[in-house]
Amino acid sequence: MSCFTPDAAYGLPKLRQTSGITLDEVMPFLTNLFSATQHVTTNFEVQIAEDQATMRSLYVATHVWRKKLPDPLFVMGGYYDDALVRTDDGWRIRDRLLINSWVTGDRDAIKAAGMSELLE
Protein backbone atom coordinates (compact mmCIF):
# COMPACT_ATOMS: atom_id res chain seq x y z
CA MET A 1 0.00 0.00 0.00
CA SER A 2 2.94 2.32 0.51
CA CYS A 3 3.36 2.74 -3.26
CA PHE A 4 0.06 4.70 -3.36
CA THR A 5 -0.78 8.20 -2.14
CA PRO A 6 -3.21 8.21 0.83
CA ASP A 7 -6.03 9.54 -1.41
CA ALA A 8 -5.26 7.34 -4.42
CA ALA A 9 -8.15 6.41 -6.70
CA TYR A 10 -8.45 2.88 -8.06
CA GLY A 11 -10.88 1.28 -10.42
CA LEU A 12 -12.18 -0.32 -13.56
CA PRO A 13 -13.28 1.82 -16.53
CA LYS A 14 -17.08 1.51 -16.11
CA LEU A 15 -16.93 1.69 -12.32
CA ARG A 16 -14.73 4.78 -12.54
CA GLN A 17 -17.32 6.48 -14.74
CA THR A 18 -19.94 6.28 -11.99
CA SER A 19 -17.87 7.08 -8.90
CA GLY A 20 -14.34 7.54 -7.68
CA ILE A 21 -13.15 4.58 -5.62
CA THR A 22 -10.37 4.95 -3.08
CA LEU A 23 -8.02 2.23 -1.90
CA ASP A 24 -9.66 2.46 1.52
CA GLU A 25 -12.84 1.22 -0.16
CA VAL A 26 -11.17 -1.38 -2.40
CA MET A 27 -9.08 -3.18 0.22
CA PRO A 28 -11.92 -4.33 2.57
CA PHE A 29 -13.89 -5.50 -0.48
CA LEU A 30 -10.96 -7.62 -1.71
CA THR A 31 -10.06 -8.99 1.73
CA ASN A 32 -13.64 -10.09 2.24
CA LEU A 33 -13.64 -12.01 -1.07
CA PHE A 34 -10.16 -13.56 -1.17
CA SER A 35 -8.03 -15.44 1.34
CA ALA A 36 -4.87 -14.77 -0.71
CA THR A 37 -3.74 -12.89 -3.80
CA GLN A 38 -0.53 -12.56 -5.75
CA HIS A 39 0.02 -9.87 -8.37
CA VAL A 40 2.92 -9.99 -10.81
CA THR A 41 3.59 -6.73 -12.67
CA THR A 42 6.00 -6.34 -15.59
CA ASN A 43 6.95 -4.26 -18.67
CA PHE A 44 6.84 -0.83 -17.05
CA GLU A 45 6.58 2.12 -19.46
CA VAL A 46 7.07 5.45 -17.67
CA GLN A 47 6.78 9.03 -18.96
CA ILE A 48 8.06 11.68 -16.52
CA ALA A 49 7.15 15.37 -16.62
CA GLU A 50 8.76 17.16 -13.65
CA ASP A 51 6.93 15.99 -10.48
CA GLN A 52 4.27 13.95 -12.31
CA ALA A 53 4.42 10.83 -14.43
CA THR A 54 2.28 8.29 -16.22
CA MET A 55 3.02 4.59 -16.20
CA ARG A 56 1.61 1.55 -17.98
CA SER A 57 2.46 -1.94 -16.78
CA LEU A 58 1.21 -5.44 -17.49
CA TYR A 59 -0.17 -7.62 -14.70
CA VAL A 60 -1.28 -11.14 -13.89
CA ALA A 61 -3.25 -11.40 -10.67
CA THR A 62 -4.07 -14.71 -8.99
CA HIS A 63 -6.74 -14.77 -6.27
CA VAL A 64 -7.89 -17.57 -3.96
CA TRP A 65 -11.60 -17.30 -3.14
CA ARG A 66 -12.43 -17.21 0.57
CA LYS A 67 -15.64 -19.11 -0.20
CA LYS A 68 -15.17 -22.82 -0.95
CA LEU A 69 -15.76 -23.28 -4.69
CA PRO A 70 -15.02 -26.15 -7.11
CA ASP A 71 -12.49 -23.83 -8.80
CA PRO A 72 -10.77 -21.98 -5.94
CA LEU A 73 -8.73 -19.71 -8.23
CA PHE A 74 -9.70 -16.51 -9.99
CA VAL A 75 -6.90 -15.35 -12.31
CA MET A 76 -6.91 -12.25 -14.48
CA GLY A 77 -4.48 -10.34 -16.65
CA GLY A 78 -4.24 -7.03 -18.41
CA TYR A 79 -2.59 -3.71 -17.75
CA TYR A 80 -2.58 -0.81 -15.31
CA ASP A 81 -2.64 2.82 -16.42
CA ASP A 82 -1.24 4.85 -13.54
CA ALA A 83 -0.80 8.53 -12.75
CA LEU A 84 2.11 9.12 -10.37
CA VAL A 85 3.29 12.05 -8.32
CA ARG A 86 6.68 12.74 -6.74
CA THR A 87 6.36 13.10 -2.95
CA ASP A 88 8.86 13.72 -0.15
CA ASP A 89 8.96 9.93 0.22
CA GLY A 90 9.54 9.26 -3.49
CA TRP A 91 7.20 8.45 -6.39
CA ARG A 92 3.67 7.30 -5.47
CA ILE A 93 0.66 6.17 -7.54
CA ARG A 94 -2.17 8.73 -7.31
CA ASP A 95 -4.58 7.07 -9.72
CA ARG A 96 -4.73 3.48 -11.01
CA LEU A 97 -7.03 2.32 -13.79
CA LEU A 98 -7.17 -1.45 -14.24
CA ILE A 99 -7.79 -2.57 -17.82
CA ASN A 100 -8.57 -6.28 -17.84
CA SER A 101 -7.77 -8.37 -20.94
CA TRP A 102 -8.62 -11.90 -19.80
CA VAL A 103 -9.97 -13.86 -16.86
CA THR A 104 -10.23 -17.50 -15.76
CA GLY A 105 -12.26 -18.99 -12.96
CA ASP A 106 -15.84 -19.46 -11.83
CA ARG A 107 -17.80 -16.89 -13.85
CA ASP A 108 -20.85 -17.15 -11.58
CA ALA A 109 -18.69 -16.35 -8.53
CA ILE A 110 -17.14 -13.39 -10.35
CA LYS A 111 -20.61 -12.04 -11.22
CA ALA A 112 -21.90 -12.64 -7.67
CA ALA A 113 -18.95 -10.65 -6.31
CA GLY A 114 -20.07 -7.66 -8.41
CA MET A 115 -17.20 -7.87 -10.89
CA SER A 116 -19.13 -8.65 -14.10
CA GLU A 117 -17.20 -5.94 -15.92
CA LEU A 118 -14.14 -8.22 -15.83
CA LEU A 119 -15.99 -10.80 -17.94
CA GLU A 120 -16.78 -8.45 -20.84
C-alpha atoms as a PDB file:
ATOM      1  CA  MET A   1       0.000   0.000   0.000  1.00  0.00           C
ATOM      2  CA  SER A   2       2.942   2.323   0.514  1.00  0.00           C
ATOM      3  CA  CYS A   3       3.357   2.744  -3.264  1.00  0.00           C
ATOM      4  CA  PHE A   4       0.059   4.701  -3.355  1.00  0.00           C
ATOM      5  CA  THR A   5      -0.779   8.199  -2.137  1.00  0.00           C
ATOM      6  CA  PRO A   6      -3.212   8.205   0.827  1.00  0.00           C
ATOM      7  CA  ASP A   7      -6.032   9.544  -1.407  1.00  0.00           C
ATOM      8  CA  ALA A   8      -5.262   7.337  -4.421  1.00  0.00           C
ATOM      9  CA  ALA A   9      -8.154   6.406  -6.699  1.00  0.00           C
ATOM     10  CA  TYR A  10      -8.446   2.875  -8.060  1.00  0.00           C
ATOM     11  CA  GLY A  11     -10.883   1.279 -10.419  1.00  0.00           C
ATOM     12  CA  LEU A  12     -12.179  -0.318 -13.557  1.00  0.00           C
ATOM     13  CA  PRO A  13     -13.282   1.823 -16.535  1.00  0.00           C
ATOM     14  CA  LYS A  14     -17.081   1.507 -16.105  1.00  0.00           C
ATOM     15  CA  LEU A  15     -16.935   1.694 -12.321  1.00  0.00           C
ATOM     16  CA  ARG A  16     -14.731   4.784 -12.537  1.00  0.00           C
ATOM     17  CA  GLN A  17     -17.322   6.483 -14.745  1.00  0.00           C
ATOM     18  CA  THR A  18     -19.942   6.276 -11.994  1.00  0.00           C
ATOM     19  CA  SER A  19     -17.871   7.084  -8.901  1.00  0.00           C
ATOM     20  CA  GLY A  20     -14.336   7.539  -7.677  1.00  0.00           C
ATOM     21  CA  ILE A  21     -13.147   4.581  -5.618  1.00  0.00           C
ATOM     22  CA  THR A  22     -10.370   4.946  -3.079  1.00  0.00           C
ATOM     23  CA  LEU A  23      -8.020   2.226  -1.901  1.00  0.00           C
ATOM     24  CA  ASP A  24      -9.659   2.462   1.517  1.00  0.00           C
ATOM     25  CA  GLU A  25     -12.843   1.217  -0.164  1.00  0.00           C
ATOM     26  CA  VAL A  26     -11.173  -1.383  -2.398  1.00  0.00           C
ATOM     27  CA  MET A  27      -9.081  -3.185   0.217  1.00  0.00           C
ATOM     28  CA  PRO A  28     -11.915  -4.329   2.567  1.00  0.00           C
ATOM     29  CA  PHE A  29     -13.891  -5.500  -0.485  1.00  0.00           C
ATOM     30  CA  LEU A  30     -10.962  -7.619  -1.714  1.00  0.00           C
ATOM     31  CA  THR A  31     -10.055  -8.993   1.728  1.00  0.00           C
ATOM     32  CA  ASN A  32     -13.642 -10.086   2.239  1.00  0.00           C
ATOM     33  CA  LEU A  33     -13.639 -12.013  -1.073  1.00  0.00           C
ATOM     34  CA  PHE A  34     -10.163 -13.559  -1.167  1.00  0.00           C
ATOM     35  CA  SER A  35      -8.029 -15.442   1.336  1.00  0.00           C
ATOM     36  CA  ALA A  36      -4.868 -14.768  -0.709  1.00  0.00           C
ATOM     37  CA  THR A  37      -3.742 -12.888  -3.798  1.00  0.00           C
ATOM     38  CA  GLN A  38      -0.528 -12.561  -5.749  1.00  0.00           C
ATOM     39  CA  HIS A  39       0.024  -9.867  -8.365  1.00  0.00           C
ATOM     40  CA  VAL A  40       2.925  -9.986 -10.805  1.00  0.00           C
ATOM     41  CA  THR A  41       3.585  -6.730 -12.671  1.00  0.00           C
ATOM     42  CA  THR A  42       6.004  -6.340 -15.595  1.00  0.00           C
ATOM     43  CA  ASN A  43       6.950  -4.262 -18.670  1.00  0.00           C
ATOM     44  CA  PHE A  44       6.837  -0.833 -17.047  1.00  0.00           C
ATOM     45  CA  GLU A  45       6.581   2.117 -19.462  1.00  0.00           C
ATOM     46  CA  VAL A  46       7.066   5.450 -17.674  1.00  0.00           C
ATOM     47  CA  GLN A  47       6.778   9.027 -18.961  1.00  0.00           C
ATOM     48  CA  ILE A  48       8.063  11.675 -16.519  1.00  0.00           C
ATOM     49  CA  ALA A  49       7.153  15.375 -16.619  1.00  0.00           C
ATOM     50  CA  GLU A  50       8.758  17.164 -13.655  1.00  0.00           C
ATOM     51  CA  ASP A  51       6.929  15.990 -10.482  1.00  0.00           C
ATOM     52  CA  GLN A  52       4.267  13.951 -12.307  1.00  0.00           C
ATOM     53  CA  ALA A  53       4.420  10.826 -14.426  1.00  0.00           C
ATOM     54  CA  THR A  54       2.278   8.286 -16.216  1.00  0.00           C
ATOM     55  CA  MET A  55       3.019   4.591 -16.198  1.00  0.00           C
ATOM     56  CA  ARG A  56       1.606   1.555 -17.983  1.00  0.00           C
ATOM     57  CA  SER A  57       2.459  -1.944 -16.779  1.00  0.00           C
ATOM     58  CA  LEU A  58       1.209  -5.442 -17.494  1.00  0.00           C
ATOM     59  CA  TYR A  59      -0.168  -7.622 -14.699  1.00  0.00           C
ATOM     60  CA  VAL A  60      -1.278 -11.141 -13.890  1.00  0.00           C
ATOM     61  CA  ALA A  61      -3.255 -11.397 -10.666  1.00  0.00           C
ATOM     62  CA  THR A  62      -4.066 -14.711  -8.987  1.00  0.00           C
ATOM     63  CA  HIS A  63      -6.736 -14.766  -6.271  1.00  0.00           C
ATOM     64  CA  VAL A  64      -7.893 -17.568  -3.964  1.00  0.00           C
ATOM     65  CA  TRP A  65     -11.599 -17.299  -3.141  1.00  0.00           C
ATOM     66  CA  ARG A  66     -12.432 -17.214   0.570  1.00  0.00           C
ATOM     67  CA  LYS A  67     -15.639 -19.108  -0.203  1.00  0.00           C
ATOM     68  CA  LYS A  68     -15.166 -22.816  -0.952  1.00  0.00           C
ATOM     69  CA  LEU A  69     -15.757 -23.276  -4.689  1.00  0.00           C
ATOM     70  CA  PRO A  70     -15.025 -26.147  -7.105  1.00  0.00           C
ATOM     71  CA  ASP A  71     -12.493 -23.830  -8.803  1.00  0.00           C
ATOM     72  CA  PRO A  72     -10.769 -21.979  -5.937  1.00  0.00           C
ATOM     73  CA  LEU A  73      -8.728 -19.705  -8.234  1.00  0.00           C
ATOM     74  CA  PHE A  74      -9.696 -16.513  -9.994  1.00  0.00           C
ATOM     75  CA  VAL A  75      -6.898 -15.347 -12.311  1.00  0.00           C
ATOM     76  CA  MET A  76      -6.908 -12.251 -14.483  1.00  0.00           C
ATOM     77  CA  GLY A  77      -4.477 -10.343 -16.652  1.00  0.00           C
ATOM     78  CA  GLY A  78      -4.236  -7.025 -18.408  1.00  0.00           C
ATOM     79  CA  TYR A  79      -2.585  -3.710 -17.748  1.00  0.00           C
ATOM     80  CA  TYR A  80      -2.580  -0.814 -15.310  1.00  0.00           C
ATOM     81  CA  ASP A  81      -2.644   2.819 -16.424  1.00  0.00           C
ATOM     82  CA  ASP A  82      -1.239   4.849 -13.536  1.00  0.00           C
ATOM     83  CA  ALA A  83      -0.798   8.533 -12.747  1.00  0.00           C
ATOM     84  CA  LEU A  84       2.109   9.123 -10.375  1.00  0.00           C
ATOM     85  CA  VAL A  85       3.295  12.055  -8.319  1.00  0.00           C
ATOM     86  CA  ARG A  86       6.685  12.740  -6.741  1.00  0.00           C
ATOM     87  CA  THR A  87       6.361  13.101  -2.947  1.00  0.00           C
ATOM     88  CA  ASP A  88       8.855  13.723  -0.152  1.00  0.00           C
ATOM     89  CA  ASP A  89       8.958   9.930   0.220  1.00  0.00           C
ATOM     90  CA  GLY A  90       9.536   9.258  -3.495  1.00  0.00           C
ATOM     91  CA  TRP A  91       7.200   8.452  -6.393  1.00  0.00           C
ATOM     92  CA  ARG A  92       3.667   7.302  -5.472  1.00  0.00           C
ATOM     93  CA  ILE A  93       0.662   6.172  -7.537  1.00  0.00           C
ATOM     94  CA  ARG A  94      -2.166   8.726  -7.314  1.00  0.00           C
ATOM     95  CA  ASP A  95      -4.576   7.067  -9.718  1.00  0.00           C
ATOM     96  CA  ARG A  96      -4.732   3.479 -11.013  1.00  0.00           C
ATOM     97  CA  LEU A  97      -7.029   2.322 -13.788  1.00  0.00           C
ATOM     98  CA  LEU A  98      -7.172  -1.450 -14.241  1.00  0.00           C
ATOM     99  CA  ILE A  99      -7.793  -2.569 -17.824  1.00  0.00           C
ATOM    100  CA  ASN A 100      -8.565  -6.275 -17.841  1.00  0.00           C
ATOM    101  CA  SER A 101      -7.770  -8.366 -20.940  1.00  0.00           C
ATOM    102  CA  TRP A 102      -8.620 -11.900 -19.800  1.00  0.00           C
ATOM    103  CA  VAL A 103      -9.966 -13.862 -16.864  1.00  0.00           C
ATOM    104  CA  THR A 104     -10.227 -17.497 -15.756  1.00  0.00           C
ATOM    105  CA  GLY A 105     -12.262 -18.989 -12.958  1.00  0.00           C
ATOM    106  CA  ASP A 106     -15.839 -19.464 -11.827  1.00  0.00           C
ATOM    107  CA  ARG A 107     -17.799 -16.888 -13.845  1.00  0.00           C
ATOM    108  CA  ASP A 108     -20.850 -17.145 -11.576  1.00  0.00           C
ATOM    109  CA  ALA A 109     -18.692 -16.346  -8.526  1.00  0.00           C
ATOM    110  CA  ILE A 110     -17.137 -13.388 -10.347  1.00  0.00           C
ATOM    111  CA  LYS A 111     -20.606 -12.045 -11.219  1.00  0.00           C
ATOM    112  CA  ALA A 112     -21.902 -12.643  -7.673  1.00  0.00           C
ATOM    113  CA  ALA A 113     -18.952 -10.648  -6.315  1.00  0.00           C
ATOM    114  CA  GLY A 114     -20.069  -7.663  -8.414  1.00  0.00           C
ATOM    115  CA  MET A 115     -17.199  -7.871 -10.887  1.00  0.00           C
ATOM    116  CA  SER A 116     -19.131  -8.650 -14.096  1.00  0.00           C
ATOM    117  CA  GLU A 117     -17.196  -5.940 -15.920  1.00  0.00           C
ATOM    118  CA  LEU A 118     -14.138  -8.217 -15.833  1.00  0.00           C
ATOM    119  CA  LEU A 119     -15.992 -10.797 -17.935  1.00  0.00           C
ATOM    120  CA  GLU A 120     -16.783  -8.445 -20.838  1.00  0.00           C
END
